[in-house]
PDB file of N, CA and C in Angstrom:
ATOM      1  N   MET A   1     -56.104   2.469  23.395  1.00  0.00           N
ATOM      2  CA  MET A   1     -55.067   2.090  22.462  1.00  0.00           C
ATOM      3  C   MET A   1     -53.957   3.152  22.541  1.00  0.00           C
ATOM      4  N   LYS A   2     -52.737   2.680  22.608  1.00  0.00           N
ATOM      5  CA  LYS A   2     -51.592   3.582  22.634  1.00  0.00           C
ATOM      6  C   LYS A   2     -51.458   4.298  21.296  1.00  0.00           C
ATOM      7  N   LYS A   3     -50.805   5.459  21.342  1.00  0.00           N
ATOM      8  CA  LYS A   3     -50.588   6.228  20.115  1.00  0.00           C
ATOM      9  C   LYS A   3     -49.777   5.407  19.100  1.00  0.00           C
ATOM     10  N   ALA A   4     -48.763   4.671  19.586  1.00  0.00           N
ATOM     11  CA  ALA A   4     -47.936   3.850  18.689  1.00  0.00           C
ATOM     12  C   ALA A   4     -48.775   2.777  18.011  1.00  0.00           C
ATOM     13  N   ASP A   5     -49.670   2.145  18.757  1.00  0.00           N
ATOM     14  CA  ASP A   5     -50.537   1.112  18.183  1.00  0.00           C
ATOM     15  C   ASP A   5     -51.491   1.713  17.147  1.00  0.00           C
ATOM     16  N   ALA A   6     -52.012   2.903  17.454  1.00  0.00           N
ATOM     17  CA  ALA A   6     -52.928   3.569  16.529  1.00  0.00           C
ATOM     18  C   ALA A   6     -52.194   3.946  15.240  1.00  0.00           C
ATOM     19  N   THR A   7     -50.962   4.416  15.371  1.00  0.00           N
ATOM     20  CA  THR A   7     -50.161   4.774  14.198  1.00  0.00           C
ATOM     21  C   THR A   7     -49.884   3.550  13.344  1.00  0.00           C
ATOM     22  N   ARG A   8     -49.506   2.456  13.988  1.00  0.00           N
ATOM     23  CA  ARG A   8     -49.234   1.200  13.274  1.00  0.00           C
ATOM     24  C   ARG A   8     -50.482   0.739  12.525  1.00  0.00           C
ATOM     25  N   GLU A   9     -51.634   0.817  13.169  1.00  0.00           N
ATOM     26  CA  GLU A   9     -52.887   0.399  12.531  1.00  0.00           C
ATOM     27  C   GLU A   9     -53.247   1.291  11.351  1.00  0.00           C
ATOM     28  N   LYS A  10     -53.012   2.594  11.475  1.00  0.00           N
ATOM     29  CA  LYS A  10     -53.281   3.497  10.354  1.00  0.00           C
ATOM     30  C   LYS A  10     -52.406   3.140   9.159  1.00  0.00           C
ATOM     31  N   LEU A  11     -51.134   2.866   9.424  1.00  0.00           N
ATOM     32  CA  LEU A  11     -50.234   2.474   8.336  1.00  0.00           C
ATOM     33  C   LEU A  11     -50.683   1.166   7.695  1.00  0.00           C
ATOM     34  N   LEU A  12     -51.092   0.205   8.500  1.00  0.00           N
ATOM     35  CA  LEU A  12     -51.586  -1.073   7.963  1.00  0.00           C
ATOM     36  C   LEU A  12     -52.839  -0.871   7.118  1.00  0.00           C
ATOM     37  N   THR A  13     -53.761  -0.087   7.619  1.00  0.00           N
ATOM     38  CA  THR A  13     -55.014   0.151   6.903  1.00  0.00           C
ATOM     39  C   THR A  13     -54.763   0.816   5.555  1.00  0.00           C
ATOM     40  N   GLU A  14     -53.949   1.867   5.571  1.00  0.00           N
ATOM     41  CA  GLU A  14     -53.667   2.571   4.316  1.00  0.00           C
ATOM     42  C   GLU A  14     -52.789   1.726   3.392  1.00  0.00           C
ATOM     43  N   GLY A  15     -51.863   0.967   3.962  1.00  0.00           N
ATOM     44  CA  GLY A  15     -51.049   0.064   3.159  1.00  0.00           C
ATOM     45  C   GLY A  15     -51.900  -0.970   2.445  1.00  0.00           C
ATOM     46  N   ARG A  16     -52.833  -1.566   3.170  1.00  0.00           N
ATOM     47  CA  ARG A  16     -53.757  -2.534   2.558  1.00  0.00           C
ATOM     48  C   ARG A  16     -54.555  -1.872   1.442  1.00  0.00           C
ATOM     49  N   ARG A  17     -55.162  -0.773   1.784  1.00  0.00           N
ATOM     50  CA  ARG A  17     -56.036  -0.099   0.822  1.00  0.00           C
ATOM     51  C   ARG A  17     -55.273   0.243  -0.464  1.00  0.00           C
ATOM     52  N   LEU A  18     -54.148   0.869  -0.340  1.00  0.00           N
ATOM     53  CA  LEU A  18     -53.425   1.319  -1.528  1.00  0.00           C
ATOM     54  C   LEU A  18     -52.725   0.179  -2.265  1.00  0.00           C
ATOM     55  N   MET A  19     -52.025  -0.679  -1.542  1.00  0.00           N
ATOM     56  CA  MET A  19     -51.294  -1.759  -2.226  1.00  0.00           C
ATOM     57  C   MET A  19     -52.231  -2.796  -2.814  1.00  0.00           C
ATOM     58  N   TRP A  20     -53.332  -3.089  -2.141  1.00  0.00           N
ATOM     59  CA  TRP A  20     -54.261  -4.086  -2.658  1.00  0.00           C
ATOM     60  C   TRP A  20     -55.058  -3.534  -3.828  1.00  0.00           C
ATOM     61  N   MET A  21     -55.272  -2.237  -3.828  1.00  0.00           N
ATOM     62  CA  MET A  21     -56.044  -1.635  -4.910  1.00  0.00           C
ATOM     63  C   MET A  21     -55.167  -1.379  -6.139  1.00  0.00           C
ATOM     64  N   ARG A  22     -53.939  -0.885  -5.920  1.00  0.00           N
ATOM     65  CA  ARG A  22     -53.099  -0.465  -7.048  1.00  0.00           C
ATOM     66  C   ARG A  22     -51.891  -1.347  -7.296  1.00  0.00           C
ATOM     67  N   GLY A  23     -51.536  -2.202  -6.345  1.00  0.00           N
ATOM     68  CA  GLY A  23     -50.383  -3.071  -6.511  1.00  0.00           C
ATOM     69  C   GLY A  23     -49.168  -2.567  -5.758  1.00  0.00           C
ATOM     70  N   TYR A  24     -48.330  -3.492  -5.351  1.00  0.00           N
ATOM     71  CA  TYR A  24     -47.145  -3.205  -4.550  1.00  0.00           C
ATOM     72  C   TYR A  24     -46.230  -2.187  -5.221  1.00  0.00           C
ATOM     73  N   ARG A  25     -45.919  -2.395  -6.472  1.00  0.00           N
ATOM     74  CA  ARG A  25     -44.973  -1.530  -7.180  1.00  0.00           C
ATOM     75  C   ARG A  25     -45.537  -0.143  -7.493  1.00  0.00           C
ATOM     76  N   SER A  26     -46.831  -0.030  -7.569  1.00  0.00           N
ATOM     77  CA  SER A  26     -47.449   1.232  -7.981  1.00  0.00           C
ATOM     78  C   SER A  26     -47.664   2.220  -6.843  1.00  0.00           C
ATOM     79  N   VAL A  27     -47.328   1.828  -5.637  1.00  0.00           N
ATOM     80  CA  VAL A  27     -47.568   2.681  -4.471  1.00  0.00           C
ATOM     81  C   VAL A  27     -46.250   2.958  -3.769  1.00  0.00           C
ATOM     82  N   SER A  28     -46.022   4.214  -3.434  1.00  0.00           N
ATOM     83  CA  SER A  28     -44.801   4.561  -2.700  1.00  0.00           C
ATOM     84  C   SER A  28     -45.088   4.632  -1.198  1.00  0.00           C
ATOM     85  N   LEU A  29     -44.029   4.512  -0.422  1.00  0.00           N
ATOM     86  CA  LEU A  29     -44.176   4.648   1.024  1.00  0.00           C
ATOM     87  C   LEU A  29     -44.648   6.047   1.393  1.00  0.00           C
ATOM     88  N   ARG A  30     -44.216   7.023   0.645  1.00  0.00           N
ATOM     89  CA  ARG A  30     -44.656   8.402   0.904  1.00  0.00           C
ATOM     90  C   ARG A  30     -46.174   8.527   0.744  1.00  0.00           C
ATOM     91  N   GLU A  31     -46.731   7.874  -0.262  1.00  0.00           N
ATOM     92  CA  GLU A  31     -48.183   7.904  -0.459  1.00  0.00           C
ATOM     93  C   GLU A  31     -48.907   7.259   0.718  1.00  0.00           C
ATOM     94  N   ILE A  32     -48.395   6.129   1.153  1.00  0.00           N
ATOM     95  CA  ILE A  32     -49.020   5.413   2.269  1.00  0.00           C
ATOM     96  C   ILE A  32     -48.955   6.254   3.529  1.00  0.00           C
ATOM     97  N   ALA A  33     -47.780   6.816   3.820  1.00  0.00           N
ATOM     98  CA  ALA A  33     -47.611   7.640   5.015  1.00  0.00           C
ATOM     99  C   ALA A  33     -48.493   8.883   4.946  1.00  0.00           C
ATOM    100  N   GLN A  34     -48.570   9.492   3.776  1.00  0.00           N
ATOM    101  CA  GLN A  34     -49.406  10.679   3.616  1.00  0.00           C
ATOM    102  C   GLN A  34     -50.879  10.337   3.853  1.00  0.00           C
ATOM    103  N   ALA A  35     -51.326   9.209   3.323  1.00  0.00           N
ATOM    104  CA  ALA A  35     -52.715   8.786   3.518  1.00  0.00           C
ATOM    105  C   ALA A  35     -53.003   8.492   4.993  1.00  0.00           C
ATOM    106  N   ALA A  36     -51.993   7.959   5.697  1.00  0.00           N
ATOM    107  CA  ALA A  36     -52.146   7.648   7.120  1.00  0.00           C
ATOM    108  C   ALA A  36     -51.918   8.876   8.005  1.00  0.00           C
ATOM    109  N   LYS A  37     -51.463   9.972   7.384  1.00  0.00           N
ATOM    110  CA  LYS A  37     -51.180  11.224   8.084  1.00  0.00           C
ATOM    111  C   LYS A  37     -50.095  11.057   9.147  1.00  0.00           C
ATOM    112  N   VAL A  38     -49.011  10.345   8.741  1.00  0.00           N
ATOM    113  CA  VAL A  38     -47.866  10.139   9.622  1.00  0.00           C
ATOM    114  C   VAL A  38     -46.582  10.357   8.828  1.00  0.00           C
ATOM    115  N   ASP A  39     -45.473  10.477   9.538  1.00  0.00           N
ATOM    116  CA  ASP A  39     -44.169  10.639   8.898  1.00  0.00           C
ATOM    117  C   ASP A  39     -43.761   9.331   8.222  1.00  0.00           C
ATOM    118  N   VAL A  40     -43.187   9.424   7.043  1.00  0.00           N
ATOM    119  CA  VAL A  40     -42.788   8.247   6.272  1.00  0.00           C
ATOM    120  C   VAL A  40     -41.771   7.391   7.030  1.00  0.00           C
ATOM    121  N   ALA A  41     -40.956   7.989   7.895  1.00  0.00           N
ATOM    122  CA  ALA A  41     -39.953   7.238   8.654  1.00  0.00           C
ATOM    123  C   ALA A  41     -40.593   6.204   9.583  1.00  0.00           C
ATOM    124  N   LEU A  42     -41.853   6.402   9.931  1.00  0.00           N
ATOM    125  CA  LEU A  42     -42.512   5.461  10.833  1.00  0.00           C
ATOM    126  C   LEU A  42     -42.774   4.100  10.178  1.00  0.00           C
ATOM    127  N   VAL A  43     -42.808   4.067   8.859  1.00  0.00           N
ATOM    128  CA  VAL A  43     -42.959   2.775   8.172  1.00  0.00           C
ATOM    129  C   VAL A  43     -41.769   1.884   8.523  1.00  0.00           C
ATOM    130  N   SER A  44     -40.576   2.435   8.445  1.00  0.00           N
ATOM    131  CA  SER A  44     -39.371   1.671   8.791  1.00  0.00           C
ATOM    132  C   SER A  44     -39.361   1.308  10.267  1.00  0.00           C
ATOM    133  N   ARG A  45     -39.807   2.217  11.093  1.00  0.00           N
ATOM    134  CA  ARG A  45     -39.812   1.953  12.540  1.00  0.00           C
ATOM    135  C   ARG A  45     -40.707   0.761  12.896  1.00  0.00           C
ATOM    136  N   TYR A  46     -41.891   0.731  12.320  1.00  0.00           N
ATOM    137  CA  TYR A  46     -42.847  -0.317  12.677  1.00  0.00           C
ATOM    138  C   TYR A  46     -42.744  -1.591  11.831  1.00  0.00           C
ATOM    139  N   PHE A  47     -42.302  -1.446  10.577  1.00  0.00           N
ATOM    140  CA  PHE A  47     -42.332  -2.596   9.675  1.00  0.00           C
ATOM    141  C   PHE A  47     -40.993  -2.922   9.017  1.00  0.00           C
ATOM    142  N   GLY A  48     -40.007  -2.081   9.176  1.00  0.00           N
ATOM    143  CA  GLY A  48     -38.701  -2.323   8.580  1.00  0.00           C
ATOM    144  C   GLY A  48     -38.593  -1.892   7.130  1.00  0.00           C
ATOM    145  N   GLY A  49     -39.682  -1.446   6.536  1.00  0.00           N
ATOM    146  CA  GLY A  49     -39.678  -1.005   5.149  1.00  0.00           C
ATOM    147  C   GLY A  49     -40.946  -1.422   4.428  1.00  0.00           C
ATOM    148  N   LYS A  50     -40.963  -1.186   3.137  1.00  0.00           N
ATOM    149  CA  LYS A  50     -42.143  -1.461   2.321  1.00  0.00           C
ATOM    150  C   LYS A  50     -42.492  -2.947   2.299  1.00  0.00           C
ATOM    151  N   LYS A  51     -41.481  -3.793   2.144  1.00  0.00           N
ATOM    152  CA  LYS A  51     -41.739  -5.236   2.105  1.00  0.00           C
ATOM    153  C   LYS A  51     -42.348  -5.712   3.416  1.00  0.00           C
ATOM    154  N   GLY A  52     -41.822  -5.223   4.530  1.00  0.00           N
ATOM    155  CA  GLY A  52     -42.358  -5.602   5.833  1.00  0.00           C
ATOM    156  C   GLY A  52     -43.794  -5.156   6.018  1.00  0.00           C
ATOM    157  N   LEU A  53     -44.104  -3.947   5.535  1.00  0.00           N
ATOM    158  CA  LEU A  53     -45.484  -3.460   5.613  1.00  0.00           C
ATOM    159  C   LEU A  53     -46.394  -4.333   4.761  1.00  0.00           C
ATOM    160  N   PHE A  54     -45.951  -4.641   3.544  1.00  0.00           N
ATOM    161  CA  PHE A  54     -46.756  -5.494   2.670  1.00  0.00           C
ATOM    162  C   PHE A  54     -47.006  -6.856   3.307  1.00  0.00           C
ATOM    163  N   GLU A  55     -45.960  -7.460   3.855  1.00  0.00           N
ATOM    164  CA  GLU A  55     -46.120  -8.764   4.512  1.00  0.00           C
ATOM    165  C   GLU A  55     -47.087  -8.670   5.691  1.00  0.00           C
ATOM    166  N   ALA A  56     -47.046  -7.562   6.423  1.00  0.00           N
ATOM    167  CA  ALA A  56     -47.968  -7.384   7.545  1.00  0.00           C
ATOM    168  C   ALA A  56     -49.416  -7.289   7.074  1.00  0.00           C
ATOM    169  N   THR A  57     -49.630  -6.728   5.877  1.00  0.00           N
ATOM    170  CA  THR A  57     -50.999  -6.636   5.363  1.00  0.00           C
ATOM    171  C   THR A  57     -51.559  -8.007   5.004  1.00  0.00           C
ATOM    172  N   LEU A  58     -50.680  -8.969   4.786  1.00  0.00           N
ATOM    173  CA  LEU A  58     -51.123 -10.314   4.393  1.00  0.00           C
ATOM    174  C   LEU A  58     -51.428 -11.235   5.565  1.00  0.00           C
ATOM    175  N   VAL A  59     -50.969 -10.861   6.765  1.00  0.00           N
ATOM    176  CA  VAL A  59     -51.173 -11.709   7.938  1.00  0.00           C
ATOM    177  C   VAL A  59     -52.672 -11.926   8.150  1.00  0.00           C
ATOM    178  N   GLY A  60     -53.088 -13.156   8.082  1.00  0.00           N
ATOM    179  CA  GLY A  60     -54.485 -13.516   8.287  1.00  0.00           C
ATOM    180  C   GLY A  60     -55.410 -13.198   7.127  1.00  0.00           C
ATOM    181  N   ALA A  61     -54.883 -12.641   6.058  1.00  0.00           N
ATOM    182  CA  ALA A  61     -55.729 -12.221   4.941  1.00  0.00           C
ATOM    183  C   ALA A  61     -56.382 -13.386   4.214  1.00  0.00           C
ATOM    184  N   PHE A  62     -55.729 -14.520   4.196  1.00  0.00           N
ATOM    185  CA  PHE A  62     -56.258 -15.639   3.435  1.00  0.00           C
ATOM    186  C   PHE A  62     -56.589 -16.842   4.317  1.00  0.00           C
ATOM    187  N   ALA A  63     -56.932 -16.563   5.548  1.00  0.00           N
ATOM    188  CA  ALA A  63     -57.318 -17.645   6.451  1.00  0.00           C
ATOM    189  C   ALA A  63     -58.665 -18.220   5.997  1.00  0.00           C
ATOM    190  N   ILE A  64     -58.732 -19.506   5.952  1.00  0.00           N
ATOM    191  CA  ILE A  64     -59.968 -20.182   5.578  1.00  0.00           C
ATOM    192  C   ILE A  64     -60.384 -21.011   6.775  1.00  0.00           C
ATOM    193  N   GLU A  65     -61.458 -20.584   7.420  1.00  0.00           N
ATOM    194  CA  GLU A  65     -61.900 -21.286   8.606  1.00  0.00           C
ATOM    195  C   GLU A  65     -62.463 -22.663   8.256  1.00  0.00           C
ATOM    196  N   ASN A  66     -62.132 -23.612   9.084  1.00  0.00           N
ATOM    197  CA  ASN A  66     -62.670 -24.970   8.964  1.00  0.00           C
ATOM    198  C   ASN A  66     -62.441 -25.585   7.582  1.00  0.00           C
ATOM    199  N   PHE A  67     -61.304 -25.303   6.989  1.00  0.00           N
ATOM    200  CA  PHE A  67     -61.017 -25.868   5.669  1.00  0.00           C
ATOM    201  C   PHE A  67     -59.964 -26.950   5.801  1.00  0.00           C
ATOM    202  N   GLU A  68     -60.291 -28.085   5.285  1.00  0.00           N
ATOM    203  CA  GLU A  68     -59.344 -29.187   5.230  1.00  0.00           C
ATOM    204  C   GLU A  68     -59.421 -29.757   3.821  1.00  0.00           C
ATOM    205  N   ALA A  69     -58.359 -29.575   3.067  1.00  0.00           N
ATOM    206  CA  ALA A  69     -58.365 -30.018   1.673  1.00  0.00           C
ATOM    207  C   ALA A  69     -58.399 -31.535   1.609  1.00  0.00           C
ATOM    208  N   LYS A  70     -59.384 -32.043   0.919  1.00  0.00           N
ATOM    209  CA  LYS A  70     -59.490 -33.487   0.718  1.00  0.00           C
ATOM    210  C   LYS A  70     -58.581 -33.927  -0.421  1.00  0.00           C
ATOM    211  N   SER A  71     -58.267 -32.968  -1.306  1.00  0.00           N
ATOM    212  CA  SER A  71     -57.407 -33.270  -2.441  1.00  0.00           C
ATOM    213  C   SER A  71     -56.786 -31.966  -2.953  1.00  0.00           C
ATOM    214  N   HIS A  72     -55.820 -32.126  -3.859  1.00  0.00           N
ATOM    215  CA  HIS A  72     -55.216 -30.952  -4.477  1.00  0.00           C
ATOM    216  C   HIS A  72     -56.260 -30.178  -5.277  1.00  0.00           C
ATOM    217  N   GLU A  73     -57.163 -30.896  -5.903  1.00  0.00           N
ATOM    218  CA  GLU A  73     -58.199 -30.258  -6.702  1.00  0.00           C
ATOM    219  C   GLU A  73     -59.103 -29.388  -5.827  1.00  0.00           C
ATOM    220  N   ALA A  74     -59.445 -29.874  -4.641  1.00  0.00           N
ATOM    221  CA  ALA A  74     -60.286 -29.098  -3.727  1.00  0.00           C
ATOM    222  C   ALA A  74     -59.572 -27.828  -3.273  1.00  0.00           C
ATOM    223  N   LEU A  75     -58.283 -27.926  -3.030  1.00  0.00           N
ATOM    224  CA  LEU A  75     -57.504 -26.768  -2.635  1.00  0.00           C
ATOM    225  C   LEU A  75     -57.457 -25.734  -3.761  1.00  0.00           C
ATOM    226  N   VAL A  76     -57.213 -26.197  -4.978  1.00  0.00           N
ATOM    227  CA  VAL A  76     -57.165 -25.297  -6.137  1.00  0.00           C
ATOM    228  C   VAL A  76     -58.529 -24.646  -6.346  1.00  0.00           C
ATOM    229  N   ASP A  77     -59.599 -25.421  -6.271  1.00  0.00           N
ATOM    230  CA  ASP A  77     -60.948 -24.880  -6.446  1.00  0.00           C
ATOM    231  C   ASP A  77     -61.242 -23.789  -5.420  1.00  0.00           C
ATOM    232  N   THR A  78     -60.852 -24.018  -4.174  1.00  0.00           N
ATOM    233  CA  THR A  78     -61.076 -23.030  -3.121  1.00  0.00           C
ATOM    234  C   THR A  78     -60.269 -21.763  -3.382  1.00  0.00           C
ATOM    235  N   ALA A  79     -59.004 -21.910  -3.759  1.00  0.00           N
ATOM    236  CA  ALA A  79     -58.152 -20.753  -4.022  1.00  0.00           C
ATOM    237  C   ALA A  79     -58.687 -19.935  -5.200  1.00  0.00           C
ATOM    238  N   VAL A  80     -59.074 -20.598  -6.262  1.00  0.00           N
ATOM    239  CA  VAL A  80     -59.611 -19.898  -7.430  1.00  0.00           C
ATOM    240  C   VAL A  80     -60.896 -19.178  -7.058  1.00  0.00           C
ATOM    241  N   SER A  81     -61.745 -19.823  -6.310  1.00  0.00           N
ATOM    242  CA  SER A  81     -62.998 -19.207  -5.879  1.00  0.00           C
ATOM    243  C   SER A  81     -62.749 -17.952  -5.055  1.00  0.00           C
ATOM    244  N   MET A  82     -61.752 -18.002  -4.161  1.00  0.00           N
ATOM    245  CA  MET A  82     -61.421 -16.838  -3.338  1.00  0.00           C
ATOM    246  C   MET A  82     -60.990 -15.664  -4.199  1.00  0.00           C
ATOM    247  N   PHE A  83     -60.122 -15.910  -5.163  1.00  0.00           N
ATOM    248  CA  PHE A  83     -59.611 -14.835  -5.994  1.00  0.00           C
ATOM    249  C   PHE A  83     -60.662 -14.295  -6.952  1.00  0.00           C
ATOM    250  N   VAL A  84     -61.512 -15.146  -7.473  1.00  0.00           N
ATOM    251  CA  VAL A  84     -62.539 -14.705  -8.404  1.00  0.00           C
ATOM    252  C   VAL A  84     -63.602 -13.865  -7.691  1.00  0.00           C
ATOM    253  N   SER A  85     -63.934 -14.241  -6.479  1.00  0.00           N
ATOM    254  CA  SER A  85     -64.993 -13.528  -5.760  1.00  0.00           C
ATOM    255  C   SER A  85     -64.484 -12.371  -4.918  1.00  0.00           C
ATOM    256  N   ALA A  86     -63.174 -12.150  -4.868  1.00  0.00           N
ATOM    257  CA  ALA A  86     -62.606 -11.075  -4.055  1.00  0.00           C
ATOM    258  C   ALA A  86     -62.999  -9.712  -4.598  1.00  0.00           C
ATOM    259  N   PRO A  87     -63.310  -8.785  -3.690  1.00  0.00           N
ATOM    260  CA  PRO A  87     -63.623  -7.431  -4.150  1.00  0.00           C
ATOM    261  C   PRO A  87     -62.391  -6.777  -4.755  1.00  0.00           C
ATOM    262  N   ARG A  88     -62.572  -5.881  -5.668  1.00  0.00           N
ATOM    263  CA  ARG A  88     -61.463  -5.216  -6.337  1.00  0.00           C
ATOM    264  C   ARG A  88     -61.021  -3.957  -5.599  1.00  0.00           C
ATOM    265  N   GLU A  89     -61.766  -3.563  -4.589  1.00  0.00           N
ATOM    266  CA  GLU A  89     -61.413  -2.391  -3.806  1.00  0.00           C
ATOM    267  C   GLU A  89     -61.569  -2.747  -2.337  1.00  0.00           C
ATOM    268  N   GLY A  90     -61.052  -1.903  -1.484  1.00  0.00           N
ATOM    269  CA  GLY A  90     -61.216  -2.094  -0.055  1.00  0.00           C
ATOM    270  C   GLY A  90     -59.911  -2.426   0.623  1.00  0.00           C
ATOM    271  N   THR A  91     -60.004  -2.653   1.917  1.00  0.00           N
ATOM    272  CA  THR A  91     -58.807  -2.876   2.715  1.00  0.00           C
ATOM    273  C   THR A  91     -58.671  -4.293   3.211  1.00  0.00           C
ATOM    274  N   SER A  92     -59.650  -5.124   2.946  1.00  0.00           N
ATOM    275  CA  SER A  92     -59.521  -6.498   3.423  1.00  0.00           C
ATOM    276  C   SER A  92     -60.205  -7.450   2.457  1.00  0.00           C
ATOM    277  N   PRO A  93     -59.749  -8.691   2.466  1.00  0.00           N
ATOM    278  CA  PRO A  93     -60.355  -9.688   1.587  1.00  0.00           C
ATOM    279  C   PRO A  93     -61.727 -10.078   2.099  1.00  0.00           C
ATOM    280  N   PRO A  94     -62.541 -10.722   1.291  1.00  0.00           N
ATOM    281  CA  PRO A  94     -63.877 -11.103   1.729  1.00  0.00           C
ATOM    282  C   PRO A  94     -63.819 -12.125   2.838  1.00  0.00           C
TER     283      PRO A  94
END
């Protein structure tokens, strides 16, 4: 893995961990960069800013394999179940 790829992954991992645990507004880019042990300017380089990093943490986060909603009710039931059973800590959804 290239150094740039490793840096990007560290930022994603720490971004997920901190933003998912404490919320988007409660975490600064400096905290994320410090946790990833990289310069804060690299967030802008790889993601364009805090919003871009947050959006990157969501890619694939809510994929539901083999799910085809038979109705709106089934979709709502699945979404509620995902959120209710989701862990409150960690870097990725269940």
